[in-house]
Protein backbone atom coordinates (compact mmCIF):
# COMPACT_ATOMS: atom_id res chain seq x y z
CA UNK A 1 -27.58 126.79 39.02
CA UNK A 2 -23.81 125.25 39.59
CA UNK A 3 -22.32 128.67 40.95
CA UNK A 4 -25.18 128.75 43.67
CA UNK A 5 -24.01 125.21 44.99
CA UNK A 6 -20.47 126.40 45.20
CA UNK A 7 -21.69 129.91 47.00
CA UNK A 8 -23.77 127.98 49.36
CA UNK A 9 -20.89 125.26 49.99
CA UNK A 10 -18.72 128.28 50.77
CA UNK A 11 -21.21 130.10 53.03
CA UNK A 12 -21.76 126.86 55.41
CA UNK A 13 -17.92 126.03 55.44
CA UNK A 14 -17.38 129.83 56.56
CA UNK A 15 -20.07 129.40 59.10
CA UNK A 16 -18.63 126.03 60.44
CA UNK A 17 -14.99 126.68 60.42
CA UNK A 18 -15.25 130.41 61.79
CA UNK A 19 -14.40 130.66 65.31
CA UNK A 20 -13.59 133.24 68.10
CA UNK A 21 -11.56 133.41 71.10
CA UNK A 22 -13.31 134.50 73.98
CA UNK A 23 -11.95 135.23 77.45
CA UNK A 24 -13.90 135.33 80.64
CA UNK A 25 -14.11 138.82 81.81
CA UNK A 26 -17.07 141.12 83.31
CA UNK A 27 -16.81 143.25 80.20
CA UNK A 28 -16.21 142.24 76.66
CA UNK A 29 -14.66 144.49 73.94
CA UNK A 30 -15.31 143.48 70.03
CA UNK A 31 -12.00 144.64 68.98
CA UNK A 32 -10.09 144.63 72.40
CA UNK A 33 -10.40 143.30 75.67
CA UNK A 34 -8.01 143.86 78.49
CA UNK A 35 -9.38 143.87 82.05
CA UNK A 36 -8.09 143.55 85.59
CA UNK A 37 -10.28 142.93 88.51
CA UNK A 38 -10.30 141.10 91.79
CA UNK A 39 -11.55 137.66 92.42
CA UNK A 40 -11.50 137.21 96.02
CA UNK A 41 -10.11 138.05 99.30
CA UNK A 42 -9.19 136.25 102.44
CA UNK A 43 -8.68 137.10 105.85
CA UNK A 44 -5.23 136.04 105.68
CA UNK A 45 -2.44 138.66 106.46
CA UNK A 46 0.46 139.44 104.59
CA UNK A 47 1.05 139.48 100.60
CA UNK A 48 4.65 139.19 100.46
CA UNK A 49 4.90 136.77 97.49
CA UNK A 50 3.00 136.73 94.16
CA UNK A 51 2.54 133.90 91.89
CA UNK A 52 0.92 133.68 88.55
CA UNK A 53 -0.44 131.03 86.21
CA UNK A 54 -2.29 131.31 82.87
CA UNK A 55 -4.40 130.03 80.20
CA UNK A 56 -4.57 130.79 75.97
CA UNK A 57 -6.95 130.11 73.48
CA UNK A 58 -6.10 130.66 69.58
CA UNK A 59 -9.65 131.38 67.52
CA UNK A 60 -11.67 129.72 70.33
CA UNK A 61 -10.45 126.16 68.63
CA UNK A 62 -7.29 125.48 70.76
CA UNK A 63 -7.30 126.35 74.25
CA UNK A 64 -4.36 125.50 76.69
CA UNK A 65 -2.93 126.13 80.30
CA UNK A 66 -3.58 126.01 83.79
CA UNK A 67 -4.82 129.36 85.17
CA UNK A 68 -6.05 127.59 88.53
CA UNK A 69 -5.33 129.58 92.00
CA UNK A 70 -3.50 126.62 93.12
CA UNK A 71 -1.13 126.45 89.93
CA UNK A 72 -0.39 130.30 90.80
CA UNK A 73 0.17 129.41 94.76
CA UNK A 74 2.27 126.65 93.89
CA UNK A 75 4.70 128.54 91.28
CA UNK A 76 5.43 131.01 94.02
CA UNK A 77 5.41 128.85 97.09
CA UNK A 78 2.47 130.45 98.44
CA UNK A 79 0.54 128.72 101.49
CA UNK A 80 -1.62 131.33 102.73
CA UNK A 81 -3.53 133.03 100.21
CA UNK A 82 -4.25 137.00 101.08
CA UNK A 83 -6.09 137.57 97.71
CA UNK A 84 -6.62 136.82 94.28
CA UNK A 85 -7.08 138.96 91.25
CA UNK A 86 -7.47 138.02 87.76
CA UNK A 87 -6.63 139.57 84.22
CA UNK A 88 -8.22 139.03 80.90
CA UNK A 89 -7.01 139.63 77.39
CA UNK A 90 -8.48 139.17 73.86
CA UNK A 91 -7.75 140.62 70.57
CA UNK A 92 -9.78 140.77 67.59
CA UNK A 93 -11.24 137.23 68.88
CA UNK A 94 -8.11 135.57 67.49
CA UNK A 95 -6.23 135.21 70.52
CA UNK A 96 -7.40 134.93 74.20
CA UNK A 97 -5.27 135.14 77.39
CA UNK A 98 -6.50 134.70 81.28
CA UNK A 99 -4.25 134.96 83.87
CA UNK A 100 -4.66 134.78 87.63
CA UNK A 101 -2.39 136.47 90.12
CA UNK A 102 -2.49 134.88 93.90
CA UNK A 103 -0.86 137.14 96.69
CA UNK A 104 0.12 135.83 100.16
CA UNK A 105 3.03 134.25 102.04
């Protein structure tokens, strides 16, 4: 009877403490995800500069970063945005990364 109690505690603890790092993506792979896709397009002409910003998650427990379009544009000194792309990468639900690419002048 005592073994069942410990087994129950172990099962509940495992469920509560387990987590997965998930990244925003149109498709998700169970073992590995690596996607690039367009996010938006504007009518502004020219794309001579590229700025990036990213956010990262570990085990779905800790997430940090600024993956905003504004942060990527400021990093490259872009004032007129031509288009925006995004990239999502996740490995075994352990590490996930989301990156924004801003093109413009």
